[in-house]
Protein backbone atom coordinates (compact mmCIF):
# COMPACT_ATOMS: atom_id res chain seq x y z
CA MET A 1 36.41 5.44 -112.71
CA GLY A 2 32.72 5.21 -113.49
CA PHE A 3 30.29 4.55 -110.65
CA PHE A 4 30.03 0.83 -111.46
CA ASP A 5 33.83 0.45 -111.12
CA ARG A 6 33.77 2.43 -107.88
CA LEU A 7 30.90 0.25 -106.67
CA LYS A 8 32.93 -2.86 -107.55
CA GLU A 9 35.94 -1.48 -105.70
CA GLY A 10 33.78 -0.36 -102.77
CA LEU A 11 32.29 -3.84 -102.40
CA SER A 12 35.68 -5.59 -102.38
CA LYS A 13 35.53 -6.42 -98.65
CA THR A 14 31.99 -7.76 -98.96
CA ARG A 15 33.00 -9.73 -102.07
CA LYS A 16 35.75 -11.46 -100.07
CA SER A 17 33.19 -12.18 -97.33
CA ILE A 18 30.50 -13.60 -99.63
CA THR A 19 31.31 -14.37 -103.25
CA GLU A 20 34.87 -15.64 -102.88
CA LYS A 21 33.68 -18.10 -100.22
CA ILE A 22 30.76 -19.14 -102.46
CA ASP A 23 33.17 -19.78 -105.35
CA GLN A 24 35.39 -21.92 -103.12
CA VAL A 25 32.42 -24.00 -101.95
CA LEU A 26 31.06 -24.47 -105.48
CA VAL A 27 34.45 -25.61 -106.78
CA ALA A 28 34.94 -27.95 -103.81
CA PHE A 29 31.53 -29.61 -104.17
CA GLY A 30 31.15 -29.89 -107.92
CA LYS A 31 27.66 -31.44 -107.52
CA VAL A 32 24.37 -30.08 -106.20
CA ASP A 33 23.10 -31.64 -102.96
CA ASP A 34 21.71 -30.67 -99.53
CA GLU A 35 25.18 -30.32 -98.09
CA LEU A 36 26.02 -27.70 -100.72
CA PHE A 37 22.90 -25.70 -99.82
CA ASP A 38 23.82 -25.90 -96.11
CA GLU A 39 27.28 -24.51 -96.86
CA LEU A 40 25.84 -21.68 -98.96
CA GLU A 41 23.34 -20.85 -96.23
CA GLU A 42 26.12 -20.63 -93.65
CA ILE A 43 28.07 -18.20 -95.88
CA LEU A 44 25.01 -15.95 -96.27
CA VAL A 45 24.22 -15.97 -92.53
CA THR A 46 27.79 -15.09 -91.56
CA SER A 47 27.85 -12.28 -94.15
CA ASP A 48 25.16 -10.27 -92.33
CA ILE A 49 22.39 -11.25 -94.70
CA GLY A 50 20.63 -12.55 -91.58
CA VAL A 51 19.12 -15.92 -90.69
CA ASP A 52 15.56 -15.37 -91.96
CA THR A 53 16.67 -13.75 -95.20
CA SER A 54 19.32 -16.43 -95.81
CA LEU A 55 16.70 -19.16 -95.39
CA ARG A 56 14.43 -17.34 -97.83
CA VAL A 57 17.26 -17.04 -100.40
CA ILE A 58 18.24 -20.71 -100.09
CA GLU A 59 14.61 -21.92 -100.41
CA ASP A 60 14.22 -19.82 -103.56
CA LEU A 61 17.55 -21.13 -104.86
CA LYS A 62 16.48 -24.76 -104.31
CA LYS A 63 13.27 -24.07 -106.25
CA LYS A 64 15.21 -22.53 -109.14
CA VAL A 65 17.67 -25.46 -109.18
CA ARG A 66 14.77 -27.95 -109.38
CA GLU A 67 12.93 -25.99 -112.09
CA ASN A 68 16.07 -25.60 -114.20
CA ARG A 69 17.27 -29.17 -113.46
CA VAL A 70 20.71 -27.89 -112.55
CA ILE A 71 23.24 -30.58 -111.64
CA ASP A 72 26.47 -28.57 -112.06
CA ALA A 73 27.38 -26.67 -108.88
CA MET A 74 29.01 -23.81 -110.81
CA LYS A 75 25.66 -23.01 -112.49
CA VAL A 76 24.12 -22.48 -109.05
CA LYS A 77 25.98 -19.17 -108.79
CA GLU A 78 23.92 -17.54 -111.59
CA LEU A 79 20.69 -18.68 -109.95
CA LEU A 80 21.87 -17.32 -106.59
CA LYS A 81 22.55 -13.94 -108.25
CA GLU A 82 18.99 -14.05 -109.63
CA SER A 83 17.53 -14.76 -106.18
CA LEU A 84 19.41 -11.87 -104.57
CA ALA A 85 18.52 -9.45 -107.39
CA GLU A 86 14.83 -10.38 -107.08
CA ILE A 87 14.82 -9.60 -103.33
CA LEU A 88 16.63 -6.30 -103.88
CA ASN A 89 14.67 -5.24 -106.95
CA GLU A 90 12.50 -2.23 -106.18
CA GLU A 91 10.30 -0.26 -108.52
CA ASN A 92 10.23 2.70 -106.10
CA SER A 93 13.99 3.29 -105.93
CA GLU A 94 13.68 6.76 -107.50
CA LEU A 95 13.44 9.75 -105.14
CA ASN A 96 9.89 11.11 -105.07
CA ILE A 97 10.51 14.76 -105.98
CA GLU A 98 7.72 15.35 -108.49
CA THR A 99 6.34 18.62 -107.07
CA THR A 100 7.95 22.04 -106.76
CA PRO A 101 8.95 22.24 -104.05
CA SER A 102 9.40 18.69 -102.80
CA VAL A 103 10.59 17.88 -99.28
CA ILE A 104 13.13 15.28 -98.18
CA LEU A 105 13.31 14.65 -94.41
CA VAL A 106 16.48 12.87 -93.34
CA VAL A 107 16.56 10.82 -90.13
CA GLY A 108 19.13 8.53 -88.52
CA VAL A 109 21.14 8.12 -85.34
CA ASN A 110 24.18 10.29 -84.75
CA GLY A 111 27.37 8.98 -86.30
CA VAL A 112 25.92 7.18 -89.33
CA GLY A 113 26.90 9.94 -91.77
CA LYS A 114 23.54 11.73 -91.84
CA THR A 115 24.83 15.28 -92.36
CA THR A 116 27.39 14.13 -94.93
CA SER A 117 24.65 12.21 -96.78
CA ILE A 118 22.47 15.35 -96.88
CA GLY A 119 25.35 17.26 -98.47
CA LYS A 120 25.88 14.51 -101.03
CA ILE A 121 22.14 14.26 -101.84
CA ALA A 122 22.10 18.04 -102.36
CA ASN A 123 25.08 17.69 -104.71
CA LEU A 124 23.41 14.82 -106.61
CA LEU A 125 20.23 16.86 -107.11
CA LYS A 126 22.13 20.01 -108.05
CA GLN A 127 23.94 18.01 -110.74
CA ARG A 128 20.49 17.17 -112.10
CA GLY A 129 19.70 20.88 -112.36
CA LYS A 130 17.59 21.13 -109.21
CA LYS A 131 17.57 24.20 -106.96
CA VAL A 132 18.10 22.88 -103.42
CA ILE A 133 17.74 24.43 -99.96
CA LEU A 134 18.97 22.76 -96.76
CA ALA A 135 17.26 23.13 -93.38
CA ALA A 136 19.40 22.69 -90.25
CA GLY A 137 16.73 20.98 -88.13
CA ASP A 138 19.17 19.01 -85.94
CA THR A 139 19.43 21.86 -83.45
CA PHE A 140 20.48 19.86 -80.38
CA ARG A 141 23.71 18.16 -81.46
CA ALA A 142 26.78 20.30 -80.95
CA ALA A 143 28.25 21.44 -84.28
CA ALA A 144 25.49 19.80 -86.39
CA ILE A 145 24.36 23.19 -87.73
CA ASP A 146 27.91 24.30 -88.54
CA GLN A 147 28.68 20.95 -90.18
CA LEU A 148 25.63 21.26 -92.44
CA GLU A 149 26.58 24.85 -93.31
CA ILE A 150 30.03 23.67 -94.42
CA TRP A 151 28.34 21.18 -96.75
CA ALA A 152 25.93 23.84 -98.05
CA ASN A 153 28.88 26.09 -98.94
CA ARG A 154 30.80 23.19 -100.49
CA VAL A 155 27.88 22.20 -102.72
CA GLY A 156 26.79 25.78 -103.38
CA VAL A 157 23.23 25.69 -102.01
CA ASP A 158 21.31 27.87 -99.53
CA ILE A 159 20.88 26.85 -95.89
CA ILE A 160 18.23 27.94 -93.39
CA ARG A 161 19.48 27.81 -89.81
CA GLN A 162 18.83 29.15 -86.34
CA THR A 163 20.86 29.00 -83.14
CA GLU A 164 21.70 25.76 -81.35
CA GLY A 165 18.81 24.58 -79.15
CA SER A 166 16.11 26.23 -81.29
CA ASP A 167 12.79 24.51 -81.94
CA PRO A 168 13.38 22.21 -84.98
CA ALA A 169 9.82 22.76 -86.24
CA ALA A 170 10.44 26.54 -86.25
CA VAL A 171 13.56 26.02 -88.39
CA ILE A 172 11.56 23.86 -90.82
CA PHE A 173 8.82 26.52 -90.95
CA ASP A 174 11.38 29.17 -91.94
CA ALA A 175 12.91 26.79 -94.48
CA VAL A 176 9.51 26.06 -96.05
CA GLN A 177 8.84 29.80 -96.45
CA ALA A 178 12.28 30.22 -98.03
CA ALA A 179 11.67 27.28 -100.39
CA LYS A 180 8.41 28.86 -101.54
CA SER A 181 9.72 32.41 -101.94
CA ARG A 182 12.98 31.35 -103.63
CA LYS A 183 11.18 28.84 -105.87
CA ALA A 184 13.36 25.93 -104.76
CA ASP A 185 12.82 22.52 -106.31
CA VAL A 186 13.80 20.50 -103.25
CA LEU A 187 14.01 21.27 -99.53
CA ILE A 188 16.20 18.80 -97.61
CA CYS A 189 15.63 18.83 -93.84
CA ASP A 190 18.09 17.51 -91.28
CA THR A 191 16.47 16.17 -88.09
CA ALA A 192 17.73 15.13 -84.67
CA GLY A 193 19.26 11.68 -84.25
CA ARG A 194 18.56 10.80 -80.64
CA LEU A 195 17.08 7.31 -80.72
CA HIS A 196 17.45 6.80 -76.97
CA THR A 197 14.75 9.46 -76.46
CA LYS A 198 12.33 7.79 -78.86
CA LYS A 199 9.21 9.56 -77.53
CA ASN A 200 10.81 13.02 -77.85
CA LEU A 201 12.01 12.25 -81.35
CA MET A 202 8.55 11.03 -82.37
CA ASP A 203 6.93 14.21 -81.00
CA GLU A 204 9.52 16.33 -82.79
CA LEU A 205 8.93 14.60 -86.13
CA LYS A 206 5.15 14.93 -85.72
CA LYS A 207 5.54 18.69 -85.27
CA ILE A 208 7.76 18.89 -88.36
CA TYR A 209 5.28 16.84 -90.45
CA LYS A 210 2.45 19.09 -89.22
CA VAL A 211 4.31 22.22 -90.38
CA ILE A 212 5.03 20.70 -93.81
CA ASP A 213 1.45 19.42 -94.26
CA ARG A 214 0.00 22.79 -93.30
CA GLU A 215 2.37 24.98 -95.33
CA LEU A 216 2.89 22.67 -98.33
CA PRO A 217 -0.24 20.51 -98.73
CA GLY A 218 -0.06 17.78 -101.36
CA ILE A 219 3.66 18.03 -102.08
CA SER A 220 5.98 15.08 -102.79
CA ARG A 221 7.66 14.04 -99.55
CA GLU A 222 10.37 11.55 -98.73
CA THR A 223 11.54 10.41 -95.30
CA LEU A 224 14.97 8.88 -95.79
CA LEU A 225 16.69 6.85 -93.09
CA VAL A 226 20.49 6.93 -93.16
CA LEU A 227 22.14 3.68 -92.03
CA ASP A 228 25.81 2.81 -91.61
CA ALA A 229 26.58 -0.49 -93.39
CA THR A 230 29.54 -1.17 -91.07
CA THR A 231 27.14 -1.74 -88.13
CA GLY A 232 25.71 -4.91 -89.74
CA GLN A 233 22.58 -6.30 -88.11
CA ASN A 234 22.41 -3.25 -85.81
CA ALA A 235 21.38 -1.28 -88.91
CA VAL A 236 18.33 -3.55 -89.29
CA SER A 237 17.40 -2.88 -85.63
CA GLN A 238 17.70 0.87 -86.19
CA ALA A 239 15.53 0.65 -89.29
CA LYS A 240 12.84 -1.27 -87.38
CA THR A 241 12.81 1.32 -84.58
CA PHE A 242 12.70 4.33 -86.89
CA ASN A 243 9.96 2.70 -88.96
CA GLU A 244 7.86 2.47 -85.77
CA ILE A 245 8.09 6.21 -85.11
CA SER A 246 8.08 7.53 -88.67
CA ASP A 247 6.89 6.51 -92.12
CA ILE A 248 10.25 5.69 -93.71
CA THR A 249 10.01 5.83 -97.50
CA GLY A 250 13.61 4.92 -98.35
CA ILE A 251 17.03 3.93 -97.05
CA VAL A 252 20.37 5.65 -97.61
CA LEU A 253 23.10 3.09 -96.91
CA THR A 254 26.51 4.64 -96.25
CA LYS A 255 30.08 3.31 -95.86
CA LEU A 256 29.62 0.20 -98.01
CA ASP A 257 33.27 0.55 -99.01
CA GLY A 258 34.45 0.20 -95.41
CA THR A 259 32.82 -3.07 -94.52
CA ALA A 260 32.59 -6.79 -95.27
CA LYS A 261 28.95 -6.53 -94.13
CA GLY A 262 27.46 -5.26 -97.40
CA GLY A 263 25.07 -8.23 -97.28
CA ILE A 264 23.07 -6.16 -94.80
CA ILE A 265 21.43 -4.45 -97.78
CA VAL A 266 19.66 -7.74 -98.62
CA SER A 267 18.54 -8.22 -95.01
CA ILE A 268 17.11 -4.68 -94.77
CA LYS A 269 15.09 -5.04 -97.98
CA SER A 270 13.86 -8.55 -97.18
CA GLU A 271 12.87 -7.98 -93.55
CA LEU A 272 11.46 -4.46 -93.77
CA ASP A 273 10.44 -4.09 -97.43
CA ILE A 274 11.72 -0.50 -97.44
CA PRO A 275 13.41 0.44 -100.72
CA VAL A 276 17.12 1.22 -100.64
CA LYS A 277 17.26 4.45 -102.65
CA LEU A 278 20.87 5.62 -102.33
CA ILE A 279 24.17 3.94 -101.49
CA GLY A 280 27.55 5.38 -100.54
CA VAL A 281 30.78 3.69 -101.63
CA GLY A 282 33.39 6.29 -100.75
CA GLU A 283 34.17 9.65 -99.20
CA LYS A 284 34.05 11.81 -102.34
CA MET A 285 31.11 14.13 -102.93
CA ASP A 286 29.80 12.07 -105.85
CA ASP A 287 30.23 8.70 -104.15
CA LEU A 288 26.58 8.62 -103.11
CA GLN A 289 24.45 7.35 -105.99
CA LYS A 290 21.07 5.87 -106.84
CA PHE A 291 20.80 2.21 -105.88
CA ASP A 292 20.39 -0.27 -108.73
CA ALA A 293 19.73 -3.87 -107.63
CA LYS A 294 21.04 -5.54 -110.79
CA GLU A 295 24.17 -3.39 -110.83
CA PHE A 296 24.78 -4.07 -107.13
CA VAL A 297 24.58 -7.86 -107.55
CA GLU A 298 26.78 -7.72 -110.68
CA ALA A 299 29.40 -5.67 -108.82
CA LEU A 300 29.23 -8.05 -105.86
CA PHE A 301 29.84 -11.13 -108.03
CA SER A 302 32.28 -9.55 -110.52
């Protein structure tokens, strides 16, 4: 299967939660009135698109219906697709890896698939011909270093690591030196995922940023936040918190295939205006791919 077919298959639970219900409502109503909009709003809210975002979508939909003088309920679906695609559309969905080397810092709470996502990003970049090095900067979680090393071996890229409990900034320093000497294209850095110690995490990230700024001034840098789609609105809360302590440049949304809450992607983009850059729709190594708003909405409504 191509990625679009896998995306379609991966969104099957979300499709049942959103688009099948929308189809039922549109068929039942047949005409366009306020009651129809109320029903559509309820479907969006209960599909983890969130209250504020759902209201925004419905207001935009009403405007489009008026402008296009739509009276047939079934034609509302195409306008709804347009509204969702416009919210999700993002010019900055490409990874910013213009310089050699470039640095990608990966943050996220434990359990969201952070280490796995790093392995899959490394694989994606390697397939594009990039030389990648991984840095095992999550030195406090038991087995995090070993887990990342397994991924490095699986993908076939170098890893820079120290012992458990080491200073993360020291690991990143070593990794930066390795990236320079080995002429790597991209350095991907794992970081700790302890949100409950927000102050410590902020201090840790500041030290890491300081090392990168000092050793690699002017390079392209991404800070990607990994979120688990199955957690629904909790993912939005995590994104808000991480955005307070770090300059998040993009979202990696994992486990879309395991949830009916795929609407969360709309809520994240609408409420935080952070681009979704990569999405995961399966457990295979190549199941993490660049996010495309139009393709996502098409797959959701197919």
